[in-house]
Amino acid sequence: MSTIDQSRLLQMRSSILNQNQALQRAAGRGGIDAGGAAEGKPDFGSAISAALEQVNAQQHRASDVSEAYERGDTHDIVSVMIERQKASLGFETTLQVRNKLLSAYRDIMNMPV
């Protein structure tokens, strides 16, 4: 691997670790706390909204980089593919979270009372 590839990989790794730490902090606040939003702690809805905004921003970055490559503004196909893979990974993660939430909702709805 060249030093450029290694530096990009290290940058991607640190970005993923930062996102993972943010998700762990959000999950660590866990539990249902009715007064959480009033105390300055984000509630579940705001945590999901923030995550969706990050995924949306990543999708837009990937689209912008792809369009710049198509116009000929840049010749760095590696950065285009990295941004597209990051956007794809974020989208797939969002789908998996949605599927888990729906599954949990169905399980709760099917519980005998």
PDB file of N, CA and C in Angstrom:
ATOM      1  N   MET A   1       0.832  -1.185   0.000  1.00  0.00           N
ATOM      2  CA  MET A   1       0.000   0.000   0.000  1.00  0.00           C
ATOM      3  C   MET A   1       0.871   1.241   0.000  1.00  0.00           C
ATOM      4  N   SER A   2       0.429   2.224  -0.707  1.00  0.00           N
ATOM      5  CA  SER A   2       1.167   3.483  -0.693  1.00  0.00           C
ATOM      6  C   SER A   2       0.790   4.278   0.548  1.00  0.00           C
ATOM      7  N   THR A   3       1.547   5.321   0.815  1.00  0.00           N
ATOM      8  CA  THR A   3       1.270   6.137   2.003  1.00  0.00           C
ATOM      9  C   THR A   3      -0.058   6.863   1.876  1.00  0.00           C
ATOM     10  N   ILE A   4      -0.464   7.181   0.657  1.00  0.00           N
ATOM     11  CA  ILE A   4      -1.763   7.835   0.467  1.00  0.00           C
ATOM     12  C   ILE A   4      -2.872   6.882   0.868  1.00  0.00           C
ATOM     13  N   ASP A   5      -2.785   5.643   0.434  1.00  0.00           N
ATOM     14  CA  ASP A   5      -3.803   4.662   0.786  1.00  0.00           C
ATOM     15  C   ASP A   5      -3.840   4.441   2.290  1.00  0.00           C
ATOM     16  N   GLN A   6      -2.680   4.369   2.915  1.00  0.00           N
ATOM     17  CA  GLN A   6      -2.633   4.158   4.356  1.00  0.00           C
ATOM     18  C   GLN A   6      -3.212   5.342   5.105  1.00  0.00           C
ATOM     19  N   SER A   7      -2.913   6.542   4.657  1.00  0.00           N
ATOM     20  CA  SER A   7      -3.444   7.716   5.349  1.00  0.00           C
ATOM     21  C   SER A   7      -4.954   7.801   5.183  1.00  0.00           C
ATOM     22  N   ARG A   8      -5.463   7.446   4.021  1.00  0.00           N
ATOM     23  CA  ARG A   8      -6.917   7.436   3.820  1.00  0.00           C
ATOM     24  C   ARG A   8      -7.567   6.377   4.701  1.00  0.00           C
ATOM     25  N   LEU A   9      -6.948   5.228   4.789  1.00  0.00           N
ATOM     26  CA  LEU A   9      -7.497   4.172   5.634  1.00  0.00           C
ATOM     27  C   LEU A   9      -7.497   4.587   7.099  1.00  0.00           C
ATOM     28  N   LEU A  10      -6.429   5.224   7.535  1.00  0.00           N
ATOM     29  CA  LEU A  10      -6.376   5.698   8.917  1.00  0.00           C
ATOM     30  C   LEU A  10      -7.418   6.779   9.167  1.00  0.00           C
ATOM     31  N   GLN A  11      -7.618   7.642   8.189  1.00  0.00           N
ATOM     32  CA  GLN A  11      -8.631   8.685   8.323  1.00  0.00           C
ATOM     33  C   GLN A  11     -10.028   8.068   8.396  1.00  0.00           C
ATOM     34  N   MET A  12     -10.301   7.091   7.545  1.00  0.00           N
ATOM     35  CA  MET A  12     -11.601   6.414   7.578  1.00  0.00           C
ATOM     36  C   MET A  12     -11.790   5.690   8.900  1.00  0.00           C
ATOM     37  N   ARG A  13     -10.740   5.045   9.373  1.00  0.00           N
ATOM     38  CA  ARG A  13     -10.816   4.309  10.635  1.00  0.00           C
ATOM     39  C   ARG A  13     -11.139   5.254  11.783  1.00  0.00           C
ATOM     40  N   SER A  14     -10.470   6.394  11.823  1.00  0.00           N
ATOM     41  CA  SER A  14     -10.732   7.337  12.912  1.00  0.00           C
ATOM     42  C   SER A  14     -12.139   7.908  12.806  1.00  0.00           C
ATOM     43  N   SER A  15     -12.611   8.131  11.596  1.00  0.00           N
ATOM     44  CA  SER A  15     -13.980   8.619  11.411  1.00  0.00           C
ATOM     45  C   SER A  15     -14.990   7.593  11.901  1.00  0.00           C
ATOM     46  N   ILE A  16     -14.768   6.340  11.574  1.00  0.00           N
ATOM     47  CA  ILE A  16     -15.672   5.276  12.019  1.00  0.00           C
ATOM     48  C   ILE A  16     -15.626   5.137  13.532  1.00  0.00           C
ATOM     49  N   LEU A  17     -14.437   5.221  14.115  1.00  0.00           N
ATOM     50  CA  LEU A  17     -14.330   5.129  15.568  1.00  0.00           C
ATOM     51  C   LEU A  17     -15.039   6.289  16.254  1.00  0.00           C
ATOM     52  N   ASN A  18     -14.930   7.488  15.690  1.00  0.00           N
ATOM     53  CA  ASN A  18     -15.625   8.643  16.263  1.00  0.00           C
ATOM     54  C   ASN A  18     -17.133   8.463  16.202  1.00  0.00           C
ATOM     55  N   GLN A  19     -17.632   7.957  15.078  1.00  0.00           N
ATOM     56  CA  GLN A  19     -19.067   7.710  14.958  1.00  0.00           C
ATOM     57  C   GLN A  19     -19.505   6.623  15.929  1.00  0.00           C
ATOM     58  N   ASN A  20     -18.688   5.602  16.080  1.00  0.00           N
ATOM     59  CA  ASN A  20     -19.006   4.518  17.003  1.00  0.00           C
ATOM     60  C   ASN A  20     -19.058   5.030  18.438  1.00  0.00           C
ATOM     61  N   GLN A  21     -18.107   5.883  18.810  1.00  0.00           N
ATOM     62  CA  GLN A  21     -18.106   6.445  20.160  1.00  0.00           C
ATOM     63  C   GLN A  21     -19.330   7.314  20.392  1.00  0.00           C
ATOM     64  N   ALA A  22     -19.735   8.072  19.375  1.00  0.00           N
ATOM     65  CA  ALA A  22     -20.939   8.905  19.513  1.00  0.00           C
ATOM     66  C   ALA A  22     -22.170   8.033  19.711  1.00  0.00           C
ATOM     67  N   LEU A  23     -22.250   6.931  18.973  1.00  0.00           N
ATOM     68  CA  LEU A  23     -23.382   6.018  19.131  1.00  0.00           C
ATOM     69  C   LEU A  23     -23.360   5.345  20.498  1.00  0.00           C
ATOM     70  N   GLN A  24     -22.170   4.997  20.986  1.00  0.00           N
ATOM     71  CA  GLN A  24     -22.082   4.380  22.302  1.00  0.00           C
ATOM     72  C   GLN A  24     -22.477   5.360  23.396  1.00  0.00           C
ATOM     73  N   ARG A  25     -22.083   6.622  23.240  1.00  0.00           N
ATOM     74  CA  ARG A  25     -22.503   7.628  24.218  1.00  0.00           C
ATOM     75  C   ARG A  25     -24.015   7.787  24.199  1.00  0.00           C
ATOM     76  N   ALA A  26     -24.603   7.795  23.009  1.00  0.00           N
ATOM     77  CA  ALA A  26     -26.059   7.926  22.903  1.00  0.00           C
ATOM     78  C   ALA A  26     -26.743   6.705  23.505  1.00  0.00           C
ATOM     79  N   ALA A  27     -26.184   5.527  23.281  1.00  0.00           N
ATOM     80  CA  ALA A  27     -26.770   4.306  23.833  1.00  0.00           C
ATOM     81  C   ALA A  27     -26.545   4.230  25.336  1.00  0.00           C
ATOM     82  N   GLY A  28     -25.455   4.785  25.824  1.00  0.00           N
ATOM     83  CA  GLY A  28     -25.146   4.758  27.247  1.00  0.00           C
ATOM     84  C   GLY A  28     -26.106   5.582  28.072  1.00  0.00           C
ATOM     85  N   ARG A  29     -26.750   6.521  27.452  1.00  0.00           N
ATOM     86  CA  ARG A  29     -27.737   7.334  28.155  1.00  0.00           C
ATOM     87  C   ARG A  29     -29.020   6.563  28.358  1.00  0.00           C
ATOM     88  N   GLY A  30     -29.163   5.452  27.639  1.00  0.00           N
ATOM     89  CA  GLY A  30     -30.305   4.548  27.617  1.00  0.00           C
ATOM     90  C   GLY A  30     -31.332   4.692  28.712  1.00  0.00           C
ATOM     91  N   GLY A  31     -32.314   3.860  28.654  1.00  0.00           N
ATOM     92  CA  GLY A  31     -33.404   3.901  29.604  1.00  0.00           C
ATOM     93  C   GLY A  31     -34.413   4.950  29.214  1.00  0.00           C
ATOM     94  N   ILE A  32     -35.602   4.795  29.736  1.00  0.00           N
ATOM     95  CA  ILE A  32     -36.659   5.750  29.452  1.00  0.00           C
ATOM     96  C   ILE A  32     -36.687   6.748  30.581  1.00  0.00           C
ATOM     97  N   ASP A  33     -36.429   7.983  30.246  1.00  0.00           N
ATOM     98  CA  ASP A  33     -36.376   9.049  31.231  1.00  0.00           C
ATOM     99  C   ASP A  33     -37.278  10.168  30.748  1.00  0.00           C
ATOM    100  N   ALA A  34     -38.417  10.318  31.409  1.00  0.00           N
ATOM    101  CA  ALA A  34     -39.391  11.311  30.965  1.00  0.00           C
ATOM    102  C   ALA A  34     -38.836  12.716  31.079  1.00  0.00           C
ATOM    103  N   GLY A  35     -37.967  12.965  32.040  1.00  0.00           N
ATOM    104  CA  GLY A  35     -37.423  14.303  32.226  1.00  0.00           C
ATOM    105  C   GLY A  35     -36.117  14.521  31.500  1.00  0.00           C
ATOM    106  N   GLY A  36     -35.692  13.587  30.695  1.00  0.00           N
ATOM    107  CA  GLY A  36     -34.396  13.670  30.038  1.00  0.00           C
ATOM    108  C   GLY A  36     -34.254  14.866  29.130  1.00  0.00           C
ATOM    109  N   ALA A  37     -35.278  15.163  28.358  1.00  0.00           N
ATOM    110  CA  ALA A  37     -35.183  16.282  27.426  1.00  0.00           C
ATOM    111  C   ALA A  37     -35.111  17.608  28.178  1.00  0.00           C
ATOM    112  N   ALA A  38     -35.794  17.697  29.316  1.00  0.00           N
ATOM    113  CA  ALA A  38     -35.780  18.942  30.080  1.00  0.00           C
ATOM    114  C   ALA A  38     -34.428  19.176  30.742  1.00  0.00           C
ATOM    115  N   GLU A  39     -33.683  18.119  31.008  1.00  0.00           N
ATOM    116  CA  GLU A  39     -32.381  18.236  31.657  1.00  0.00           C
ATOM    117  C   GLU A  39     -31.255  18.466  30.660  1.00  0.00           C
ATOM    118  N   GLY A  40     -31.573  18.607  29.389  1.00  0.00           N
ATOM    119  CA  GLY A  40     -30.553  18.833  28.385  1.00  0.00           C
ATOM    120  C   GLY A  40     -30.048  17.554  27.748  1.00  0.00           C
ATOM    121  N   LYS A  41     -30.540  16.419  28.182  1.00  0.00           N
ATOM    122  CA  LYS A  41     -30.148  15.152  27.580  1.00  0.00           C
ATOM    123  C   LYS A  41     -31.055  14.880  26.385  1.00  0.00           C
ATOM    124  N   PRO A  42     -30.483  14.430  25.276  1.00  0.00           N
ATOM    125  CA  PRO A  42     -31.328  14.162  24.115  1.00  0.00           C
ATOM    126  C   PRO A  42     -32.209  12.941  24.348  1.00  0.00           C
ATOM    127  N   ASP A  43     -33.422  13.009  23.848  1.00  0.00           N
ATOM    128  CA  ASP A  43     -34.304  11.863  23.943  1.00  0.00           C
ATOM    129  C   ASP A  43     -34.088  10.964  22.728  1.00  0.00           C
ATOM    130  N   PHE A  44     -34.829   9.878  22.670  1.00  0.00           N
ATOM    131  CA  PHE A  44     -34.654   8.901  21.607  1.00  0.00           C
ATOM    132  C   PHE A  44     -34.920   9.523  20.239  1.00  0.00           C
ATOM    133  N   GLY A  45     -35.973  10.308  20.147  1.00  0.00           N
ATOM    134  CA  GLY A  45     -36.332  10.923  18.871  1.00  0.00           C
ATOM    135  C   GLY A  45     -35.255  11.849  18.344  1.00  0.00           C
ATOM    136  N   SER A  46     -34.674  12.642  19.227  1.00  0.00           N
ATOM    137  CA  SER A  46     -33.627  13.561  18.771  1.00  0.00           C
ATOM    138  C   SER A  46     -32.348  12.805  18.413  1.00  0.00           C
ATOM    139  N   ALA A  47     -32.070  11.701  19.107  1.00  0.00           N
ATOM    140  CA  ALA A  47     -30.893  10.892  18.768  1.00  0.00           C
ATOM    141  C   ALA A  47     -31.056  10.269  17.383  1.00  0.00           C
ATOM    142  N   ILE A  48     -32.256   9.758  17.100  1.00  0.00           N
ATOM    143  CA  ILE A  48     -32.517   9.175  15.783  1.00  0.00           C
ATOM    144  C   ILE A  48     -32.459  10.258  14.710  1.00  0.00           C
ATOM    145  N   SER A  49     -33.037  11.416  14.995  1.00  0.00           N
ATOM    146  CA  SER A  49     -33.011  12.523  14.025  1.00  0.00           C
ATOM    147  C   SER A  49     -31.581  12.947  13.718  1.00  0.00           C
ATOM    148  N   ALA A  50     -30.756  13.039  14.737  1.00  0.00           N
ATOM    149  CA  ALA A  50     -29.356  13.426  14.528  1.00  0.00           C
ATOM    150  C   ALA A  50     -28.625  12.388  13.682  1.00  0.00           C
ATOM    151  N   ALA A  51     -28.876  11.116  13.955  1.00  0.00           N
ATOM    152  CA  ALA A  51     -28.232  10.054  13.178  1.00  0.00           C
ATOM    153  C   ALA A  51     -28.691  10.099  11.724  1.00  0.00           C
ATOM    154  N   LEU A  52     -29.981  10.324  11.502  1.00  0.00           N
ATOM    155  CA  LEU A  52     -30.495  10.404  10.134  1.00  0.00           C
ATOM    156  C   LEU A  52     -29.936  11.618   9.402  1.00  0.00           C
ATOM    157  N   GLU A  53     -29.757  12.713  10.106  1.00  0.00           N
ATOM    158  CA  GLU A  53     -29.162  13.900   9.488  1.00  0.00           C
ATOM    159  C   GLU A  53     -27.716  13.632   9.074  1.00  0.00           C
ATOM    160  N   GLN A  54     -26.983  12.877   9.896  1.00  0.00           N
ATOM    161  CA  GLN A  54     -25.602  12.533   9.548  1.00  0.00           C
ATOM    162  C   GLN A  54     -25.561  11.644   8.308  1.00  0.00           C
ATOM    163  N   VAL A  55     -26.475  10.672   8.244  1.00  0.00           N
ATOM    164  CA  VAL A  55     -26.528   9.787   7.076  1.00  0.00           C
ATOM    165  C   VAL A  55     -26.894  10.594   5.836  1.00  0.00           C
ATOM    166  N   ASN A  56     -27.849  11.498   5.975  1.00  0.00           N
ATOM    167  CA  ASN A  56     -28.254  12.342   4.852  1.00  0.00           C
ATOM    168  C   ASN A  56     -27.093  13.216   4.382  1.00  0.00           C
ATOM    169  N   ALA A  57     -26.356  13.788   5.313  1.00  0.00           N
ATOM    170  CA  ALA A  57     -25.206  14.619   4.951  1.00  0.00           C
ATOM    171  C   ALA A  57     -24.150  13.789   4.225  1.00  0.00           C
ATOM    172  N   GLN A  58     -23.938  12.562   4.680  1.00  0.00           N
ATOM    173  CA  GLN A  58     -22.966  11.687   4.022  1.00  0.00           C
ATOM    174  C   GLN A  58     -23.421  11.350   2.605  1.00  0.00           C
ATOM    175  N   GLN A  59     -24.718  11.117   2.421  1.00  0.00           N
ATOM    176  CA  GLN A  59     -25.257  10.848   1.087  1.00  0.00           C
ATOM    177  C   GLN A  59     -25.028  12.053   0.169  1.00  0.00           C
ATOM    178  N   HIS A  60     -25.248  13.253   0.694  1.00  0.00           N
ATOM    179  CA  HIS A  60     -25.036  14.459  -0.107  1.00  0.00           C
ATOM    180  C   HIS A  60     -23.564  14.648  -0.455  1.00  0.00           C
ATOM    181  N   ARG A  61     -22.664  14.378   0.500  1.00  0.00           N
ATOM    182  CA  ARG A  61     -21.223  14.485   0.214  1.00  0.00           C
ATOM    183  C   ARG A  61     -20.828  13.509  -0.890  1.00  0.00           C
ATOM    184  N   ALA A  62     -21.334  12.281  -0.810  1.00  0.00           N
ATOM    185  CA  ALA A  62     -21.008  11.281  -1.824  1.00  0.00           C
ATOM    186  C   ALA A  62     -21.541  11.708  -3.189  1.00  0.00           C
ATOM    187  N   SER A  63     -22.733  12.261  -3.202  1.00  0.00           N
ATOM    188  CA  SER A  63     -23.321  12.733  -4.456  1.00  0.00           C
ATOM    189  C   SER A  63     -22.514  13.891  -5.039  1.00  0.00           C
ATOM    190  N   ASP A  64     -22.111  14.821  -4.188  1.00  0.00           N
ATOM    191  CA  ASP A  64     -21.322  15.969  -4.651  1.00  0.00           C
ATOM    192  C   ASP A  64     -19.979  15.534  -5.224  1.00  0.00           C
ATOM    193  N   VAL A  65     -19.315  14.610  -4.542  1.00  0.00           N
ATOM    194  CA  VAL A  65     -18.009  14.132  -5.011  1.00  0.00           C
ATOM    195  C   VAL A  65     -18.171  13.371  -6.323  1.00  0.00           C
ATOM    196  N   SER A  66     -19.233  12.568  -6.430  1.00  0.00           N
ATOM    197  CA  SER A  66     -19.482  11.827  -7.671  1.00  0.00           C
ATOM    198  C   SER A  66     -19.750  12.776  -8.834  1.00  0.00           C
ATOM    199  N   GLU A  67     -20.555  13.795  -8.587  1.00  0.00           N
ATOM    200  CA  GLU A  67     -20.852  14.768  -9.642  1.00  0.00           C
ATOM    201  C   GLU A  67     -19.597  15.533 -10.053  1.00  0.00           C
ATOM    202  N   ALA A  68     -18.754  15.869  -9.088  1.00  0.00           N
ATOM    203  CA  ALA A  68     -17.505  16.566  -9.409  1.00  0.00           C
ATOM    204  C   ALA A  68     -16.614  15.681 -10.275  1.00  0.00           C
ATOM    205  N   TYR A  69     -16.583  14.395  -9.993  1.00  0.00           N
ATOM    206  CA  TYR A  69     -15.786  13.470 -10.799  1.00  0.00           C
ATOM    207  C   TYR A  69     -16.359  13.364 -12.211  1.00  0.00           C
ATOM    208  N   GLU A  70     -17.689  13.293 -12.300  1.00  0.00           N
ATOM    209  CA  GLU A  70     -18.324  13.189 -13.611  1.00  0.00           C
ATOM    210  C   GLU A  70     -18.096  14.444 -14.455  1.00  0.00           C
ATOM    211  N   ARG A  71     -18.037  15.605 -13.822  1.00  0.00           N
ATOM    212  CA  ARG A  71     -17.773  16.855 -14.535  1.00  0.00           C
ATOM    213  C   ARG A  71     -16.303  16.987 -14.924  1.00  0.00           C
ATOM    214  N   GLY A  72     -15.452  16.211 -14.303  1.00  0.00           N
ATOM    215  CA  GLY A  72     -14.026  16.298 -14.583  1.00  0.00           C
ATOM    216  C   GLY A  72     -13.294  17.253 -13.666  1.00  0.00           C
ATOM    217  N   ASP A  73     -13.959  17.709 -12.615  1.00  0.00           N
ATOM    218  CA  ASP A  73     -13.322  18.626 -11.672  1.00  0.00           C
ATOM    219  C   ASP A  73     -12.219  17.940 -10.875  1.00  0.00           C
ATOM    220  N   THR A  74     -12.350  16.648 -10.684  1.00  0.00           N
ATOM    221  CA  THR A  74     -11.338  15.888  -9.954  1.00  0.00           C
ATOM    222  C   THR A  74     -11.085  14.574 -10.688  1.00  0.00           C
ATOM    223  N   HIS A  75      -9.896  14.041 -10.503  1.00  0.00           N
ATOM    224  CA  HIS A  75      -9.545  12.767 -11.121  1.00  0.00           C
ATOM    225  C   HIS A  75      -9.270  11.707 -10.068  1.00  0.00           C
ATOM    226  N   ASP A  76      -9.636  11.989  -8.845  1.00  0.00           N
ATOM    227  CA  ASP A  76      -9.356  11.086  -7.730  1.00  0.00           C
ATOM    228  C   ASP A  76     -10.524  10.123  -7.527  1.00  0.00           C
ATOM    229  N   ILE A  77     -10.497   9.025  -8.263  1.00  0.00           N
ATOM    230  CA  ILE A  77     -11.576   8.039  -8.180  1.00  0.00           C
ATOM    231  C   ILE A  77     -11.590   7.351  -6.820  1.00  0.00           C
ATOM    232  N   VAL A  78     -10.441   7.299  -6.163  1.00  0.00           N
ATOM    233  CA  VAL A  78     -10.366   6.646  -4.851  1.00  0.00           C
ATOM    234  C   VAL A  78     -11.233   7.384  -3.837  1.00  0.00           C
ATOM    235  N   SER A  79     -11.129   8.699  -3.802  1.00  0.00           N
ATOM    236  CA  SER A  79     -11.945   9.457  -2.845  1.00  0.00           C
ATOM    237  C   SER A  79     -13.424   9.357  -3.184  1.00  0.00           C
ATOM    238  N   VAL A  80     -13.745   9.285  -4.470  1.00  0.00           N
ATOM    239  CA  VAL A  80     -15.145   9.118  -4.877  1.00  0.00           C
ATOM    240  C   VAL A  80     -15.683   7.792  -4.356  1.00  0.00           C
ATOM    241  N   MET A  81     -14.923   6.739  -4.557  1.00  0.00           N
ATOM    242  CA  MET A  81     -15.384   5.417  -4.118  1.00  0.00           C
ATOM    243  C   MET A  81     -15.452   5.323  -2.595  1.00  0.00           C
ATOM    244  N   ILE A  82     -14.521   5.951  -1.906  1.00  0.00           N
ATOM    245  CA  ILE A  82     -14.549   5.934  -0.439  1.00  0.00           C
ATOM    246  C   ILE A  82     -15.793   6.644   0.069  1.00  0.00           C
ATOM    247  N   GLU A  83     -16.095   7.815  -0.484  1.00  0.00           N
ATOM    248  CA  GLU A  83     -17.292   8.555  -0.057  1.00  0.00           C
ATOM    249  C   GLU A  83     -18.559   7.771  -0.363  1.00  0.00           C
ATOM    250  N   ARG A  84     -18.598   7.121  -1.512  1.00  0.00           N
ATOM    251  CA  ARG A  84     -19.787   6.336  -1.863  1.00  0.00           C
ATOM    252  C   ARG A  84     -19.940   5.130  -0.949  1.00  0.00           C
ATOM    253  N   GLN A  85     -18.834   4.499  -0.589  1.00  0.00           N
ATOM    254  CA  GLN A  85     -18.904   3.355   0.323  1.00  0.00           C
ATOM    255  C   GLN A  85     -19.316   3.796   1.721  1.00  0.00           C
ATOM    256  N   LYS A  86     -18.823   4.946   2.167  1.00  0.00           N
ATOM    257  CA  LYS A  86     -19.230   5.461   3.474  1.00  0.00           C
ATOM    258  C   LYS A  86     -20.725   5.758   3.487  1.00  0.00           C
ATOM    259  N   ALA A  87     -21.226   6.348   2.403  1.00  0.00           N
ATOM    260  CA  ALA A  87     -22.654   6.641   2.303  1.00  0.00           C
ATOM    261  C   ALA A  87     -23.467   5.353   2.264  1.00  0.00           C
ATOM    262  N   SER A  88     -22.978   4.375   1.537  1.00  0.00           N
ATOM    263  CA  SER A  88     -23.675   3.094   1.450  1.00  0.00           C
ATOM    264  C   SER A  88     -23.711   2.398   2.803  1.00  0.00           C
ATOM    265  N   LEU A  89     -22.605   2.428   3.514  1.00  0.00           N
ATOM    266  CA  LEU A  89     -22.542   1.804   4.831  1.00  0.00           C
ATOM    267  C   LEU A  89     -23.484   2.496   5.812  1.00  0.00           C
ATOM    268  N   GLY A  90     -23.524   3.809   5.775  1.00  0.00           N
ATOM    269  CA  GLY A  90     -24.443   4.545   6.637  1.00  0.00           C
ATOM    270  C   GLY A  90     -25.890   4.221   6.336  1.00  0.00           C
ATOM    271  N   PHE A  91     -26.223   4.118   5.052  1.00  0.00           N
ATOM    272  CA  PHE A  91     -27.589   3.799   4.659  1.00  0.00           C
ATOM    273  C   PHE A  91     -27.963   2.387   5.088  1.00  0.00           C
ATOM    274  N   GLU A  92     -27.061   1.432   4.870  1.00  0.00           N
ATOM    275  CA  GLU A  92     -27.330   0.047   5.277  1.00  0.00           C
ATOM    276  C   GLU A  92     -27.503  -0.055   6.788  1.00  0.00           C
ATOM    277  N   THR A  93     -26.698   0.676   7.535  1.00  0.00           N
ATOM    278  CA  THR A  93     -26.825   0.683   8.992  1.00  0.00           C
ATOM    279  C   THR A  93     -28.174   1.247   9.404  1.00  0.00           C
ATOM    280  N   THR A  94     -28.596   2.314   8.735  1.00  0.00           N
ATOM    281  CA  THR A  94     -29.903   2.904   9.020  1.00  0.00           C
ATOM    282  C   THR A  94     -31.017   1.902   8.762  1.00  0.00           C
ATOM    283  N   LEU A  95     -30.911   1.166   7.665  1.00  0.00           N
ATOM    284  CA  LEU A  95     -31.925   0.152   7.369  1.00  0.00           C
ATOM    285  C   LEU A  95     -31.954  -0.941   8.427  1.00  0.00           C
ATOM    286  N   GLN A  96     -30.786  -1.360   8.892  1.00  0.00           N
ATOM    287  CA  GLN A  96     -30.739  -2.404   9.913  1.00  0.00           C
ATOM    288  C   GLN A  96     -31.338  -1.920  11.231  1.00  0.00           C
ATOM    289  N   VAL A  97     -31.062  -0.673  11.593  1.00  0.00           N
ATOM    290  CA  VAL A  97     -31.648  -0.114  12.816  1.00  0.00           C
ATOM    291  C   VAL A  97     -33.162  -0.054  12.676  1.00  0.00           C
ATOM    292  N   ARG A  98     -33.631   0.389  11.521  1.00  0.00           N
ATOM    293  CA  ARG A  98     -35.077   0.444  11.284  1.00  0.00           C
ATOM    294  C   ARG A  98     -35.702  -0.942  11.396  1.00  0.00           C
ATOM    295  N   ASN A  99     -35.053  -1.944  10.804  1.00  0.00           N
ATOM    296  CA  ASN A  99     -35.581  -3.304  10.869  1.00  0.00           C
ATOM    297  C   ASN A  99     -35.636  -3.812  12.305  1.00  0.00           C
ATOM    298  N   LYS A 100     -34.605  -3.518  13.090  1.00  0.00           N
ATOM    299  CA  LYS A 100     -34.601  -3.937  14.497  1.00  0.00           C
ATOM    300  C   LYS A 100     -35.702  -3.236  15.281  1.00  0.00           C
ATOM    301  N   LEU A 101     -35.896  -1.949  15.026  1.00  0.00           N
ATOM    302  CA  LEU A 101     -36.957  -1.212  15.714  1.00  0.00           C
ATOM    303  C   LEU A 101     -38.332  -1.767  15.360  1.00  0.00           C
ATOM    304  N   LEU A 102     -38.554  -2.065  14.091  1.00  0.00           N
ATOM    305  CA  LEU A 102     -39.835  -2.640  13.688  1.00  0.00           C
ATOM    306  C   LEU A 102     -40.047  -4.014  14.308  1.00  0.00           C
ATOM    307  N   SER A 103     -38.997  -4.796  14.358  1.00  0.00           N
ATOM    308  CA  SER A 103     -39.088  -6.118  14.971  1.00  0.00           C
ATOM    309  C   SER A 103     -39.418  -6.006  16.455  1.00  0.00           C
ATOM    310  N   ALA A 104     -38.770  -5.088  17.140  1.00  0.00           N
ATOM    311  CA  ALA A 104     -39.055  -4.888  18.566  1.00  0.00           C
ATOM    312  C   ALA A 104     -40.482  -4.403  18.766  1.00  0.00           C
ATOM    313  N   TYR A 105     -40.944  -3.513  17.909  1.00  0.00           N
ATOM    314  CA  TYR A 105     -42.316  -3.014  17.999  1.00  0.00           C
ATOM    315  C   TYR A 105     -43.313  -4.155  17.809  1.00  0.00           C
ATOM    316  N   ARG A 106     -43.068  -5.003  16.816  1.00  0.00           N
ATOM    317  CA  ARG A 106     -43.963  -6.149  16.582  1.00  0.00           C
ATOM    318  C   ARG A 106     -43.958  -7.100  17.773  1.00  0.00           C
ATOM    319  N   ASP A 107     -42.787  -7.338  18.337  1.00  0.00           N
ATOM    320  CA  ASP A 107     -42.707  -8.216  19.507  1.00  0.00           C
ATOM    321  C   ASP A 107     -43.518  -7.660  20.667  1.00  0.00           C
ATOM    322  N   ILE A 108     -43.416  -6.366  20.887  1.00  0.00           N
ATOM    323  CA  ILE A 108     -44.172  -5.743  21.978  1.00  0.00           C
ATOM    324  C   ILE A 108     -45.668  -5.807  21.695  1.00  0.00           C
ATOM    325  N   MET A 109     -46.055  -5.553  20.455  1.00  0.00           N
ATOM    326  CA  MET A 109     -47.476  -5.578  20.106  1.00  0.00           C
ATOM    327  C   MET A 109     -48.066  -6.982  20.208  1.00  0.00           C
ATOM    328  N   ASN A 110     -47.252  -8.004  20.014  1.00  0.00           N
ATOM    329  CA  ASN A 110     -47.742  -9.384  20.069  1.00  0.00           C
ATOM    330  C   ASN A 110     -47.665  -9.994  21.461  1.00  0.00           C
ATOM    331  N   MET A 111     -47.184  -9.248  22.433  1.00  0.00           N
ATOM    332  CA  MET A 111     -47.106  -9.767  23.799  1.00  0.00           C
ATOM    333  C   MET A 111     -48.507  -9.910  24.387  1.00  0.00           C
ATOM    334  N   PRO A 112     -48.743 -11.027  25.058  1.00  0.00           N
ATOM    335  CA  PRO A 112     -50.040 -11.155  25.734  1.00  0.00           C
ATOM    336  C   PRO A 112     -50.079 -10.231  26.951  1.00  0.00           C
ATOM    337  N   VAL A 113     -51.236  -9.673  27.185  1.00  0.00           N
ATOM    338  CA  VAL A 113     -51.375  -8.737  28.309  1.00  0.00           C
ATOM    339  C   VAL A 113     -51.883  -9.444  29.530  1.00  0.00           C
TER     340      VAL A 113
END
